[in-house]
Amino acid sequence: MIEKALILSAGQGKRLLPFTEDCPKCLLPFNGRTVLEWQIASLAANGIREVTVITGFHADAIDAVLAARPEDGVRVTTRFNPFFEVADNLGSCYMGREAMLDGAFVLINGDTLFHPDLLKQAMGQVTGDITVTIDRKPRYDDDDMKVSCTDGRLITIGKHLTADIANAESIGMLFFSAEGGRIFARAVKDALRDPDGLKRWYLSVINSLAAEQEIRVAEIAGQTWCEIDFPMDMAAAGELTAQLRREASVRDGHGARLREAM
């Protein structure tokens, strides 16, 4: 059972300027909560009880938001990535290695918003040591983290994949068993020994591992999620969080009526 999560939230999100000029991407507000708070709520709804957030840009602001969270049974800690301005997200994974070495966990990009049902569906498909959550669509653009997979196995992953190879995209959510976490942590450490390591995405490590061992995929077709990379993505984030807010209100209303009837 997976009860731990690692969220990579060190970046500023420069492609979202001017919205992120003084606000890290993970603290952008949507319908009463920040991106990070919506993520933690969806994790909590699926039994996650321990979350490690890798911070960087305006880390103090992230710490303040997390300190003000109401008690919900989830223990949230932060780890500062001092390399966030000079390294890609592989550096954040390096700073989160300790959290990877103590049991199964889910790794989530700090700009991926998702419905709790999506996480539930993906978790139900985890069978191997490393599982990449994927979605499918008719066409993939240059910025998509494209995937080639067959029979539930990931063959290769990267933004460079051509249209004749790519048949899915990563949504920025990966699952690791205890052994998978150890394998990934070692691979991250080894990758940063390379002269170009600071410029690499962590999914390039997954791509390398796929040539050596089985990497599985979990499909979430029909589920609701969005990646917040550009200003145009903010409308979709607003719609998704508005849906989550409505659903929460319905649940709270049912709870209130049940309490009144008791």
Foldseek 3Di string as FASTA:
>chain_A
DAQEEEEEQADQQVQAPPQSVQNRQQQDDAPHGGNVVLVVVLSVVVRHAEYEYEYHRPVVVVVVRVVPDDDDNHHYYYFYQPCRVQFDCLSSVLRVLVVLQPWKYKYAYSQKHFHSVLVVQQVVPDDDQKEFEKEFDDDDDLPFFFFADDPQWTQATGSPDDPVRGGITGRGMMIGGNVSSVVLNVLSVVLCVDPCSRYDDSVVSVRVVSVVDTYGYGYRYPTDMFGPNHNVRVVSVNVVVVVVVVVVVVVVVVVVVVVVVD
